[in-house]
Amino acid sequence: MKITQYFSFFSIALPVVLVTLYFWVFVCYAVNAPQLDDYMDLLVVMPDYVEAAGLRQKWHILFQQYHEHRYLTGHLLSALFVEIFGVLDFRFLMGAGNLALLGFAVLLVREFSGAGYRAVMMPVTALLLFNLQAQGSMFWATAAWAHYALLFFSMAAFTLIAAEKALHRYIPAFGFCALAVFTQANGLFVAVLVVFFCLFEFFDKESHKAWPLLVFWLCAASLMGAAYFHDFDTSQRVGETHLSVPDQVRAIVEHPLNVLMGFLLFLGGVFVDMDDRENVLALLFGCFSGAMVVSAFCWLVLCYKTRKLYPLKMLMLLIFASAASVACLRASVMGVDQALQGHYKIYSLISVLFVFFVALLWAERHSARTRLLCNVLACLMAAGVYGVSCATNLPGVEQKRTAIVDDFNYWLERNNLKRASVRFFVPQYNRKLNRAVSVGVYSPEVLLLPSRQVAVFQSVDACPQGLVVAEGLALSYKPGAWGVAVRGEIPFDVDRDEGQEVWLCAGKTVFYLALAERNLQWSEGARGRVSVDVLVPRALFPKHLRPERIELMIRGSYEK
């Protein structure tokens, strides 16, 4: 009896300790600085929101889509913080995103803790979800908000399970579904999947067949992939490259092994990161772990038809579809290491948790000794995953913090901004070139127009062929049915590592054509020049503005 009491106490105390440690690491190492998509999302959305004239315009700004992501939850949190405090704190946004992960963990434990393994599910869930392996999303605001997509999607599925064909319970289910749609990238897939699930429950409530879920999986993967294809063709930033849909399909056909490995590594690459792309053994281990996740899902669908587990199956469908789309979009073009990015690790950890849960379900059908052995092994293996993650990631947390701060300071220096003591500044990419606005008491010094900036031409009418040579610059500008193509060469001083940046100005809207290092293709036999081949899709232009009325601006500098 005492052993049972000790184990019950342990199953409650350990999750409390793990969650406390997780947020302690966050409080100690999180910095109030943007990174990656924060620059191109928050630092564009919030200035528009602050300068919006009326409530209707503000509401439209919060709901509109920036690039290929939908971040309604993050936009609402940011707007709320600005309205209350007058400034924006990135640490607050990161913390809010991580709180969603806590709610997701509570939901999983509450719904899936059966009488036989309740004491095991709590520590195993805490060991895997609050794992330092997921620090890629822990310290990144826009990645942490994806936790809300998991939470809202799961709540929609759980509510549908309890609906019992009652309209007043279907309504909140679709409400959660809508929140998931506007929280997750390409979230329309979530709505379609939940509608499939709802129709299946409505017309075939008592018959628990396996084939509908398999059909849902295929449909989900196809729809998510189609959404990514669309955004890949119409976004100026996805993957820092520009491919048409036929080119993307061709890449998938030509690299099927990359797609398969990317799919499996997304699911099972807990201990594999982007630095291991040359390590064959690590990649094989990640693929093997991903295959275990797929096998566990197939067993659960075919052999375990309890209606209560439908939300868990739906959650795994969501993760499988995300894995398929990432594999098709990125792994086929840029390599399998793209499926190993840090902010994807939370999905890998959920997949491992799913395997442990399926193992506990399997043990339920066997003897008490087998169940006990399976419970002990699940706890030990989850503890092993947590221990290895701490050993490999905890020493690198300070390095990650330093890297974020260095990138932030470089961005300030590059844009001639002076950091003040307050907590919020915003570059206005879509109002004037390289202009910052003040929110609260912050007033940065801004160099609006560098002396080397050259206005190449004002419109197609001024230069019909679009070919201009200015200060060694040769660019071709050609509006077409799909958008505006900018091609040519930009001089690059190898000794100074300095070159040019391209800004495409359409009325009051400015598009920054980022020349990231991966985009630079050195021209053969032309040392010190870099090729530019960028398509700015027509969909990115304001509806009232024709692509023919555009001016192209070149400015320095770009540091390699």
Protein backbone atom coordinates (compact mmCIF):
# COMPACT_ATOMS: atom_id res chain seq x y z
CA MET A 1 0.00 0.00 0.00
CA LYS A 2 2.86 2.33 0.86
CA ILE A 3 4.53 1.68 -2.49
CA THR A 4 1.32 2.63 -4.29
CA GLN A 5 1.04 5.82 -2.27
CA TYR A 6 4.67 6.72 -2.94
CA PHE A 7 4.19 6.13 -6.65
CA SER A 8 1.03 8.26 -6.69
CA PHE A 9 2.91 11.07 -4.94
CA PHE A 10 5.79 10.67 -7.39
CA SER A 11 3.44 10.82 -10.38
CA ILE A 12 2.13 14.19 -9.17
CA ALA A 13 5.34 15.71 -7.80
CA LEU A 14 7.50 14.92 -10.84
CA PRO A 15 5.31 16.81 -13.36
CA VAL A 16 5.24 19.81 -11.01
CA VAL A 17 9.04 19.79 -10.80
CA LEU A 18 9.45 19.38 -14.56
CA VAL A 19 7.03 22.18 -15.43
CA THR A 20 8.69 24.44 -12.85
CA LEU A 21 12.13 23.67 -14.30
CA TYR A 22 10.88 24.32 -17.84
CA PHE A 23 9.55 27.77 -17.01
CA TRP A 24 12.56 28.52 -14.79
CA VAL A 25 14.83 27.97 -17.79
CA PHE A 26 12.52 30.16 -19.83
CA VAL A 27 12.56 33.01 -17.29
CA CYS A 28 16.34 32.83 -16.94
CA TYR A 29 17.26 32.73 -20.62
CA ALA A 30 14.40 34.31 -22.58
CA VAL A 31 15.26 37.76 -23.91
CA ASN A 32 13.02 40.56 -25.07
CA ALA A 33 14.17 40.37 -28.68
CA PRO A 34 12.57 39.18 -31.92
CA GLN A 35 13.99 36.47 -34.11
CA LEU A 36 13.33 35.01 -37.55
CA ASP A 37 9.64 35.43 -38.47
CA ASP A 38 9.12 37.97 -35.68
CA TYR A 39 10.86 40.56 -37.83
CA MET A 40 8.67 39.95 -40.87
CA ASP A 41 5.41 39.40 -39.00
CA LEU A 42 5.11 41.26 -35.71
CA LEU A 43 7.33 44.12 -36.73
CA VAL A 44 5.07 44.68 -39.72
CA VAL A 45 1.66 43.95 -38.20
CA MET A 46 1.93 46.06 -35.06
CA PRO A 47 2.83 49.36 -36.79
CA ASP A 48 -0.15 48.90 -39.09
CA TYR A 49 -2.35 48.19 -36.08
CA VAL A 50 -1.12 51.21 -34.11
CA GLU A 51 -1.55 53.56 -37.06
CA ALA A 52 -4.96 52.16 -38.11
CA ALA A 53 -7.66 54.81 -37.95
CA GLY A 54 -10.72 52.88 -36.83
CA LEU A 55 -11.81 49.67 -35.18
CA ARG A 56 -12.80 48.09 -38.48
CA GLN A 57 -9.37 48.71 -39.98
CA LYS A 58 -7.63 47.39 -36.87
CA TRP A 59 -9.77 44.24 -36.96
CA HIS A 60 -8.91 43.70 -40.62
CA ILE A 61 -5.19 44.02 -39.89
CA LEU A 62 -5.36 41.43 -37.12
CA PHE A 63 -7.07 38.89 -39.37
CA GLN A 64 -5.15 39.40 -42.58
CA GLN A 65 -2.50 36.90 -43.60
CA TYR A 66 1.14 37.92 -43.61
CA HIS A 67 3.33 35.80 -45.88
CA GLU A 68 2.26 32.14 -45.61
CA HIS A 69 1.35 32.06 -41.91
CA ARG A 70 -1.84 32.77 -39.98
CA TYR A 71 -1.07 34.16 -36.54
CA LEU A 72 -4.38 35.45 -35.26
CA THR A 73 -3.65 34.37 -31.68
CA GLY A 74 -0.28 36.10 -31.67
CA HIS A 75 -1.70 39.22 -33.26
CA LEU A 76 -4.45 39.41 -30.64
CA LEU A 77 -1.98 38.95 -27.78
CA SER A 78 0.33 41.58 -29.25
CA ALA A 79 -2.50 44.05 -29.77
CA LEU A 80 -3.81 43.44 -26.24
CA PHE A 81 -0.38 44.04 -24.73
CA VAL A 82 0.12 47.23 -26.74
CA GLU A 83 -3.33 48.54 -25.82
CA ILE A 84 -2.76 47.92 -22.09
CA PHE A 85 0.92 48.79 -21.61
CA GLY A 86 1.75 50.82 -24.71
CA VAL A 87 4.77 48.65 -25.46
CA LEU A 88 5.37 45.13 -26.70
CA ASP A 89 7.40 42.61 -24.75
CA PHE A 90 8.56 39.57 -26.72
CA ARG A 91 9.19 37.64 -23.51
CA PHE A 92 5.51 38.03 -22.65
CA LEU A 93 4.50 36.64 -26.05
CA MET A 94 6.87 33.68 -25.69
CA GLY A 95 5.54 32.95 -22.21
CA ALA A 96 1.95 33.13 -23.42
CA GLY A 97 2.73 30.60 -26.14
CA ASN A 98 4.35 28.22 -23.67
CA LEU A 99 1.32 28.45 -21.37
CA ALA A 100 -0.71 26.98 -24.22
CA LEU A 101 1.59 23.96 -24.08
CA LEU A 102 0.71 23.58 -20.40
CA GLY A 103 -2.99 23.60 -21.27
CA PHE A 104 -2.39 21.05 -24.01
CA ALA A 105 -0.63 18.73 -21.52
CA VAL A 106 -3.47 19.01 -19.00
CA LEU A 107 -5.97 18.19 -21.74
CA LEU A 108 -4.05 15.09 -22.82
CA VAL A 109 -3.66 13.77 -19.28
CA ARG A 110 -7.30 14.43 -18.46
CA GLU A 111 -8.69 12.72 -21.54
CA PHE A 112 -6.33 9.77 -21.94
CA SER A 113 -5.47 8.77 -18.39
CA GLY A 114 -7.34 5.53 -17.93
CA ALA A 115 -7.74 3.86 -14.58
CA GLY A 116 -4.89 1.44 -15.27
CA TYR A 117 -2.22 3.93 -16.31
CA ARG A 118 -3.26 7.29 -14.90
CA ALA A 119 -0.20 7.45 -12.65
CA VAL A 120 2.08 6.74 -15.61
CA MET A 121 0.62 9.18 -18.14
CA MET A 122 1.23 12.25 -16.00
CA PRO A 123 5.02 11.90 -15.57
CA VAL A 124 5.51 10.57 -19.11
CA THR A 125 3.57 13.49 -20.60
CA ALA A 126 5.52 16.01 -18.53
CA LEU A 127 8.87 14.41 -19.40
CA LEU A 128 8.19 14.62 -23.13
CA LEU A 129 6.20 17.83 -23.59
CA PHE A 130 8.24 20.01 -21.22
CA ASN A 131 11.50 18.91 -22.75
CA LEU A 132 14.46 21.15 -23.50
CA GLN A 133 14.63 19.54 -26.92
CA ALA A 134 11.79 21.92 -27.82
CA GLN A 135 13.78 25.06 -27.04
CA GLY A 136 13.50 26.01 -30.72
CA SER A 137 9.93 27.10 -30.00
CA MET A 138 10.45 27.97 -26.34
CA PHE A 139 12.35 31.19 -27.12
CA TRP A 140 10.58 32.15 -30.35
CA ALA A 141 7.26 33.97 -30.11
CA THR A 142 5.73 33.04 -33.46
CA ALA A 143 6.74 29.39 -33.04
CA ALA A 144 5.39 29.20 -29.49
CA TRP A 145 2.00 30.39 -30.75
CA ALA A 146 1.70 27.17 -32.75
CA HIS A 147 1.02 25.47 -29.41
CA TYR A 148 -2.37 27.16 -29.48
CA ALA A 149 -3.14 25.42 -32.76
CA LEU A 150 -2.57 22.06 -31.06
CA LEU A 151 -4.65 23.12 -28.06
CA PHE A 152 -7.59 24.51 -30.05
CA PHE A 153 -7.60 21.61 -32.50
CA SER A 154 -7.61 19.06 -29.67
CA MET A 155 -10.37 20.91 -27.83
CA ALA A 156 -12.45 20.93 -31.03
CA ALA A 157 -12.01 17.16 -31.43
CA PHE A 158 -12.78 16.46 -27.74
CA THR A 159 -15.89 18.65 -27.87
CA LEU A 160 -17.15 16.83 -30.95
CA ILE A 161 -16.72 13.51 -29.15
CA ALA A 162 -19.01 14.72 -26.35
CA ALA A 163 -21.45 16.46 -28.69
CA GLU A 164 -24.01 13.62 -28.83
CA LYS A 165 -25.57 15.38 -31.86
CA ALA A 166 -26.51 18.36 -29.69
CA LEU A 167 -26.32 21.66 -31.53
CA HIS A 168 -25.22 23.64 -28.48
CA ARG A 169 -22.13 21.41 -28.24
CA TYR A 170 -21.33 21.47 -31.94
CA ILE A 171 -21.14 25.27 -31.83
CA PRO A 172 -18.15 25.48 -29.42
CA ALA A 173 -16.47 22.66 -31.35
CA PHE A 174 -16.56 24.71 -34.53
CA GLY A 175 -15.48 27.75 -32.52
CA PHE A 176 -12.33 25.96 -31.40
CA CYS A 177 -11.86 24.79 -34.96
CA ALA A 178 -11.98 28.39 -36.21
CA LEU A 179 -9.39 29.45 -33.63
CA ALA A 180 -7.12 26.61 -34.75
CA VAL A 181 -7.55 27.68 -38.37
CA PHE A 182 -6.32 31.19 -37.68
CA THR A 183 -3.54 30.07 -35.34
CA GLN A 184 -1.85 27.45 -37.47
CA ALA A 185 -0.04 28.01 -40.75
CA ASN A 186 -2.36 27.07 -43.58
CA GLY A 187 -5.01 26.27 -41.01
CA LEU A 188 -7.78 25.70 -43.54
CA PHE A 189 -6.77 22.03 -43.40
CA VAL A 190 -7.90 21.91 -39.76
CA ALA A 191 -11.40 23.03 -40.66
CA VAL A 192 -11.72 20.45 -43.44
CA LEU A 193 -10.47 17.66 -41.17
CA VAL A 194 -12.87 18.54 -38.36
CA VAL A 195 -15.77 18.72 -40.82
CA PHE A 196 -14.88 15.22 -42.05
CA PHE A 197 -14.81 14.03 -38.47
CA CYS A 198 -18.13 15.70 -37.65
CA LEU A 199 -19.87 14.17 -40.67
CA PHE A 200 -18.53 10.74 -39.81
CA GLU A 201 -19.79 11.08 -36.23
CA PHE A 202 -23.19 12.35 -37.35
CA PHE A 203 -23.95 9.66 -39.92
CA ASP A 204 -22.12 6.68 -38.44
CA LYS A 205 -21.90 7.25 -34.72
CA GLU A 206 -22.18 3.64 -33.56
CA SER A 207 -20.12 1.98 -36.27
CA HIS A 208 -16.42 2.30 -35.53
CA LYS A 209 -14.78 1.34 -38.79
CA ALA A 210 -11.11 1.89 -39.47
CA TRP A 211 -11.20 2.92 -43.12
CA PRO A 212 -12.68 6.43 -42.61
CA LEU A 213 -9.71 7.47 -40.50
CA LEU A 214 -7.31 6.18 -43.13
CA VAL A 215 -9.19 8.18 -45.75
CA PHE A 216 -9.03 11.22 -43.48
CA TRP A 217 -5.26 10.80 -43.22
CA LEU A 218 -4.83 10.78 -47.00
CA CYS A 219 -7.19 13.72 -47.45
CA ALA A 220 -5.49 15.69 -44.69
CA ALA A 221 -2.02 15.16 -46.14
CA SER A 222 -3.23 16.07 -49.63
CA LEU A 223 -5.04 19.20 -48.50
CA MET A 224 -2.17 20.40 -46.34
CA GLY A 225 0.28 19.75 -49.16
CA ALA A 226 -1.93 21.61 -51.63
CA ALA A 227 -2.13 24.58 -49.28
CA TYR A 228 1.64 24.64 -48.95
CA PHE A 229 2.06 24.37 -52.72
CA HIS A 230 -0.19 27.40 -53.12
CA ASP A 231 1.73 29.43 -50.57
CA PHE A 232 5.04 28.28 -51.99
CA ASP A 233 4.02 29.76 -55.33
CA THR A 234 2.54 32.98 -53.97
CA SER A 235 4.77 33.86 -51.03
CA GLN A 236 7.91 35.89 -51.35
CA ARG A 237 9.53 34.34 -48.29
CA VAL A 238 8.78 30.62 -48.01
CA GLY A 239 12.09 28.82 -47.88
CA GLU A 240 13.80 31.94 -49.25
CA THR A 241 13.27 30.59 -52.72
CA HIS A 242 10.69 30.88 -55.47
CA LEU A 243 9.35 27.87 -57.34
CA SER A 244 6.19 27.41 -59.32
CA VAL A 245 3.81 24.56 -58.57
CA PRO A 246 5.05 22.47 -61.56
CA ASP A 247 8.65 22.96 -60.40
CA GLN A 248 7.71 21.88 -56.88
CA VAL A 249 5.91 18.77 -58.15
CA ARG A 250 8.92 17.97 -60.31
CA ALA A 251 11.20 18.27 -57.26
CA ILE A 252 9.01 15.81 -55.34
CA VAL A 253 9.04 13.32 -58.21
CA GLU A 254 12.80 13.63 -58.65
CA HIS A 255 13.58 13.30 -54.93
CA PRO A 256 11.17 10.74 -53.47
CA LEU A 257 13.76 9.51 -50.96
CA ASN A 258 14.15 13.04 -49.57
CA VAL A 259 10.39 13.30 -49.18
CA LEU A 260 10.13 9.94 -47.39
CA MET A 261 13.08 10.64 -45.09
CA GLY A 262 11.81 14.15 -44.38
CA PHE A 263 8.42 12.74 -43.39
CA LEU A 264 9.92 10.14 -41.04
CA LEU A 265 12.50 12.53 -39.55
CA PHE A 266 9.80 15.09 -38.80
CA LEU A 267 8.05 12.44 -36.69
CA GLY A 268 11.02 10.69 -35.13
CA GLY A 269 13.90 13.15 -35.22
CA VAL A 270 13.92 13.93 -31.52
CA PHE A 271 17.68 13.49 -31.11
CA VAL A 272 18.60 14.45 -34.67
CA ASP A 273 19.18 18.09 -35.60
CA MET A 274 20.26 19.97 -38.69
CA ASP A 275 23.94 19.54 -37.85
CA ASP A 276 23.51 15.75 -38.25
CA ARG A 277 22.56 15.90 -41.93
CA GLU A 278 25.85 14.21 -42.83
CA ASN A 279 25.56 11.60 -40.05
CA VAL A 280 24.07 8.53 -41.71
CA LEU A 281 23.53 6.64 -38.44
CA ALA A 282 21.66 9.56 -36.86
CA LEU A 283 19.42 9.92 -39.91
CA LEU A 284 18.69 6.18 -39.95
CA PHE A 285 17.83 6.27 -36.24
CA GLY A 286 15.45 9.18 -36.83
CA CYS A 287 13.81 7.39 -39.76
CA PHE A 288 13.43 4.23 -37.66
CA SER A 289 11.76 6.25 -34.88
CA GLY A 290 9.42 7.84 -37.41
CA ALA A 291 8.52 4.41 -38.80
CA MET A 292 7.64 3.30 -35.25
CA VAL A 293 5.24 6.25 -34.96
CA VAL A 294 3.53 5.32 -38.24
CA SER A 295 3.31 1.65 -37.19
CA ALA A 296 1.80 2.58 -33.82
CA PHE A 297 -0.81 4.73 -35.54
CA CYS A 298 -1.75 1.96 -37.96
CA TRP A 299 -2.14 -0.51 -35.09
CA LEU A 300 -4.30 1.94 -33.14
CA VAL A 301 -6.55 2.56 -36.16
CA LEU A 302 -6.92 -1.08 -37.16
CA CYS A 303 -7.03 -2.80 -33.77
CA TYR A 304 -8.27 -0.31 -31.19
CA LYS A 305 -11.60 1.20 -32.16
CA THR A 306 -12.67 2.84 -28.91
CA ARG A 307 -14.58 6.00 -29.69
CA LYS A 308 -12.87 7.93 -26.89
CA LEU A 309 -9.54 7.68 -28.71
CA TYR A 310 -10.78 9.45 -31.84
CA PRO A 311 -9.36 12.85 -30.74
CA LEU A 312 -5.93 11.26 -30.29
CA LYS A 313 -6.15 9.85 -33.80
CA MET A 314 -7.21 13.24 -35.11
CA LEU A 315 -4.24 14.89 -33.39
CA MET A 316 -1.86 12.44 -35.01
CA LEU A 317 -3.51 13.07 -38.38
CA LEU A 318 -2.71 16.73 -37.91
CA ILE A 319 0.93 15.96 -37.17
CA PHE A 320 1.19 13.47 -40.05
CA ALA A 321 -0.23 16.01 -42.48
CA SER A 322 2.21 18.64 -41.22
CA ALA A 323 5.07 16.18 -41.65
CA ALA A 324 3.97 15.36 -45.20
CA SER A 325 3.69 18.99 -46.19
CA VAL A 326 7.08 19.93 -44.71
CA ALA A 327 8.66 16.95 -46.46
CA CYS A 328 7.11 17.89 -49.81
CA LEU A 329 7.74 21.61 -49.50
CA ARG A 330 11.19 21.79 -47.98
CA ALA A 331 12.87 18.39 -47.89
CA SER A 332 12.34 17.79 -51.60
CA VAL A 333 14.03 21.08 -52.53
CA MET A 334 16.47 21.97 -49.76
CA GLY A 335 17.32 18.59 -48.22
CA VAL A 336 16.08 16.32 -45.46
CA ASP A 337 17.65 18.51 -42.79
CA GLN A 338 14.79 20.98 -43.26
CA ALA A 339 12.52 18.54 -41.39
CA LEU A 340 14.84 18.79 -38.37
CA GLN A 341 14.42 22.47 -37.58
CA GLY A 342 14.21 23.28 -33.89
CA HIS A 343 10.63 24.54 -33.82
CA TYR A 344 9.44 21.20 -35.25
CA LYS A 345 10.76 19.24 -32.26
CA ILE A 346 7.55 19.66 -30.29
CA TYR A 347 5.77 17.56 -32.94
CA SER A 348 8.46 14.88 -32.69
CA LEU A 349 8.06 14.80 -28.91
CA ILE A 350 4.28 14.46 -29.22
CA SER A 351 4.84 11.59 -31.65
CA VAL A 352 7.09 9.81 -29.12
CA LEU A 353 4.44 10.39 -26.44
CA PHE A 354 1.90 8.84 -28.79
CA VAL A 355 4.07 5.71 -29.17
CA PHE A 356 4.33 5.36 -25.38
CA PHE A 357 0.58 5.75 -25.03
CA VAL A 358 -0.07 3.09 -27.67
CA ALA A 359 2.32 0.77 -25.82
CA LEU A 360 0.30 1.28 -22.63
CA LEU A 361 -2.89 0.46 -24.52
CA TRP A 362 -1.28 -2.68 -25.88
CA ALA A 363 -0.25 -3.73 -22.35
CA GLU A 364 -3.84 -3.34 -21.15
CA ARG A 365 -4.75 -6.49 -23.07
CA HIS A 366 -2.14 -8.59 -21.27
CA SER A 367 -1.36 -9.76 -17.76
CA ALA A 368 -0.76 -7.54 -14.75
CA ARG A 369 2.96 -8.32 -14.86
CA THR A 370 3.15 -7.20 -18.49
CA ARG A 371 1.29 -3.98 -17.67
CA LEU A 372 3.64 -3.25 -14.78
CA LEU A 373 6.70 -3.91 -16.94
CA CYS A 374 5.34 -1.67 -19.69
CA ASN A 375 4.61 1.12 -17.21
CA VAL A 376 8.11 0.95 -15.76
CA LEU A 377 9.73 0.88 -19.22
CA ALA A 378 7.63 3.84 -20.37
CA CYS A 379 8.72 5.91 -17.38
CA LEU A 380 12.37 4.91 -17.73
CA MET A 381 12.47 5.59 -21.47
CA ALA A 382 10.73 8.95 -21.08
CA ALA A 383 13.19 9.82 -18.31
CA GLY A 384 16.03 8.76 -20.60
CA VAL A 385 14.75 11.03 -23.37
CA TYR A 386 14.52 13.90 -20.90
CA GLY A 387 17.98 13.24 -19.46
CA VAL A 388 19.66 13.10 -22.86
CA SER A 389 17.85 16.27 -23.91
CA CYS A 390 19.05 18.10 -20.79
CA ALA A 391 22.62 16.92 -21.30
CA THR A 392 22.68 17.97 -24.96
CA ASN A 393 20.57 21.13 -24.90
CA LEU A 394 20.99 22.78 -21.50
CA PRO A 395 24.63 23.80 -22.18
CA GLY A 396 23.50 25.34 -25.47
CA VAL A 397 20.72 27.49 -24.02
CA GLU A 398 23.12 30.29 -23.13
CA GLN A 399 24.66 30.07 -26.59
CA LYS A 400 21.21 30.33 -28.16
CA ARG A 401 20.40 33.33 -26.00
CA THR A 402 23.64 34.99 -27.08
CA ALA A 403 22.92 34.26 -30.74
CA ILE A 404 19.46 35.86 -30.50
CA VAL A 405 20.91 38.96 -28.84
CA ASP A 406 23.74 39.18 -31.40
CA ASP A 407 21.30 38.90 -34.31
CA PHE A 408 19.12 41.54 -32.71
CA ASN A 409 22.02 43.94 -32.16
CA TYR A 410 23.23 43.36 -35.72
CA TRP A 411 19.75 44.16 -37.00
CA LEU A 412 19.73 47.39 -35.00
CA GLU A 413 23.15 48.38 -36.31
CA ARG A 414 22.30 47.41 -39.86
CA ASN A 415 19.18 49.57 -39.83
CA ASN A 416 20.91 52.44 -38.04
CA LEU A 417 18.67 52.15 -34.99
CA LYS A 418 19.68 53.02 -31.47
CA ARG A 419 18.21 50.79 -28.77
CA ALA A 420 16.63 52.73 -25.92
CA SER A 421 15.58 51.55 -22.48
CA VAL A 422 11.99 50.80 -23.48
CA ARG A 423 10.83 47.54 -24.94
CA PHE A 424 9.22 48.08 -28.31
CA PHE A 425 10.33 49.36 -31.69
CA VAL A 426 9.08 48.62 -35.15
CA PRO A 427 10.57 49.08 -38.64
CA GLN A 428 7.91 50.20 -41.08
CA TYR A 429 8.63 48.11 -44.15
CA ASN A 430 5.25 48.87 -45.65
CA ARG A 431 5.09 52.64 -45.14
CA LYS A 432 8.48 54.14 -45.97
CA LEU A 433 11.83 52.63 -46.70
CA ASN A 434 13.75 51.76 -43.54
CA ARG A 435 11.55 53.90 -41.27
CA ALA A 436 10.86 53.16 -37.63
CA VAL A 437 7.89 54.25 -35.57
CA SER A 438 7.58 55.00 -31.92
CA VAL A 439 5.22 53.20 -29.57
CA GLY A 440 5.26 54.43 -26.02
CA VAL A 441 8.30 56.58 -25.23
CA TYR A 442 10.74 55.03 -27.68
CA SER A 443 12.17 57.36 -30.33
CA PRO A 444 14.94 55.72 -32.37
CA GLU A 445 17.37 57.55 -34.60
CA VAL A 446 16.82 56.44 -38.18
CA LEU A 447 18.85 57.01 -41.30
CA LEU A 448 16.04 57.09 -43.83
CA LEU A 449 17.89 57.07 -47.13
CA PRO A 450 21.53 55.96 -47.41
CA SER A 451 23.61 58.17 -49.65
CA ARG A 452 24.29 55.33 -52.08
CA GLN A 453 20.63 54.67 -52.73
CA VAL A 454 19.71 54.98 -56.40
CA ALA A 455 16.20 55.25 -57.79
CA VAL A 456 16.65 53.21 -60.96
CA PHE A 457 13.38 54.02 -62.72
CA GLN A 458 9.90 55.13 -61.84
CA SER A 459 7.73 52.95 -64.06
CA VAL A 460 7.68 50.72 -67.09
CA ASP A 461 6.73 53.74 -69.19
CA ALA A 462 10.01 55.39 -68.31
CA CYS A 463 11.98 52.27 -69.21
CA PRO A 464 9.96 49.99 -71.52
CA GLN A 465 12.52 47.22 -71.66
CA GLY A 466 13.21 47.43 -67.95
CA LEU A 467 16.97 47.12 -68.43
CA VAL A 468 18.95 49.64 -66.41
CA VAL A 469 22.64 50.01 -65.70
CA ALA A 470 23.50 52.33 -62.81
CA GLU A 471 26.74 52.29 -60.84
CA GLY A 472 27.64 48.88 -62.20
CA LEU A 473 24.12 47.59 -61.66
CA ALA A 474 22.26 45.63 -64.34
CA LEU A 475 18.74 44.49 -63.52
CA SER A 476 15.83 43.44 -65.68
CA TYR A 477 12.32 44.35 -64.54
CA LYS A 478 9.41 42.63 -66.27
CA PRO A 479 5.77 42.59 -65.11
CA GLY A 480 3.86 39.51 -66.16
CA ALA A 481 0.70 37.56 -65.53
CA TRP A 482 2.07 35.98 -62.35
CA GLY A 483 3.88 38.99 -60.96
CA VAL A 484 7.03 41.01 -61.44
CA ALA A 485 10.29 39.28 -62.32
CA VAL A 486 13.51 40.98 -61.24
CA ARG A 487 16.59 39.45 -62.80
CA GLY A 488 20.16 40.51 -63.33
CA GLU A 489 23.41 41.02 -61.47
CA ILE A 490 24.46 43.09 -58.50
CA PRO A 491 28.11 44.02 -57.87
CA PHE A 492 29.62 42.45 -54.78
CA ASP A 493 32.86 43.62 -53.21
CA VAL A 494 34.50 40.42 -52.00
CA ASP A 495 37.10 42.20 -49.91
CA ARG A 496 34.56 44.26 -47.99
CA ASP A 497 31.82 41.61 -48.03
CA GLU A 498 29.46 44.38 -49.01
CA GLY A 499 26.87 44.51 -51.74
CA GLN A 500 23.35 45.71 -52.34
CA GLU A 501 19.83 45.09 -51.20
CA VAL A 502 16.79 45.29 -53.46
CA TRP A 503 13.59 47.02 -52.41
CA LEU A 504 10.58 46.96 -54.71
CA CYS A 505 8.33 49.96 -54.03
CA ALA A 506 4.70 49.85 -55.13
CA GLY A 507 2.97 53.01 -53.99
CA LYS A 508 3.16 53.03 -50.20
CA THR A 509 3.96 49.34 -50.06
CA VAL A 510 7.57 48.23 -49.94
CA PHE A 511 8.68 44.66 -50.64
CA TYR A 512 12.09 43.67 -49.38
CA LEU A 513 13.72 41.16 -51.72
CA ALA A 514 15.99 39.49 -49.19
CA LEU A 515 19.31 38.38 -50.61
CA ALA A 516 20.06 35.82 -47.93
CA GLU A 517 23.31 33.91 -48.29
CA ARG A 518 21.54 30.78 -49.53
CA ASN A 519 20.02 32.84 -52.39
CA LEU A 520 23.32 34.16 -53.69
CA GLN A 521 24.52 32.40 -56.82
CA TRP A 522 27.92 33.53 -57.99
CA SER A 523 28.03 34.14 -61.73
CA GLU A 524 30.57 32.01 -63.55
CA GLY A 525 33.66 33.97 -64.49
CA ALA A 526 32.39 37.15 -62.85
CA ARG A 527 34.08 37.51 -59.50
CA GLY A 528 32.41 40.00 -57.23
CA ARG A 529 28.97 39.89 -58.86
CA VAL A 530 25.90 38.11 -57.65
CA SER A 531 22.94 36.88 -59.67
CA VAL A 532 19.41 37.96 -58.79
CA ASP A 533 16.38 36.04 -60.00
CA VAL A 534 13.31 36.91 -57.95
CA LEU A 535 9.61 36.71 -58.75
CA VAL A 536 7.39 38.99 -56.70
CA PRO A 537 3.92 37.42 -57.08
CA ARG A 538 1.03 39.58 -58.18
CA ALA A 539 -0.93 38.46 -55.10
CA LEU A 540 1.40 40.48 -52.89
CA PHE A 541 0.53 43.79 -54.53
CA PRO A 542 -2.33 45.94 -53.23
CA LYS A 543 -5.52 45.38 -55.16
CA HIS A 544 -5.78 49.03 -56.19
CA LEU A 545 -2.27 49.10 -57.66
CA ARG A 546 -1.22 47.64 -60.98
CA PRO A 547 2.21 45.97 -61.07
CA GLU A 548 3.06 48.24 -64.01
CA ARG A 549 3.30 51.25 -61.67
CA ILE A 550 6.29 50.24 -59.62
CA GLU A 551 9.67 51.74 -58.89
CA LEU A 552 12.75 49.69 -58.17
CA MET A 553 15.20 50.94 -55.56
CA ILE A 554 18.69 49.69 -54.84
CA ARG A 555 20.49 50.42 -51.62
CA GLY A 556 23.46 49.13 -49.61
CA SER A 557 24.66 47.33 -47.82
CA TYR A 558 24.54 43.57 -47.55
CA GLU A 559 27.01 41.75 -45.33
CA LYS A 560 27.80 38.19 -46.27
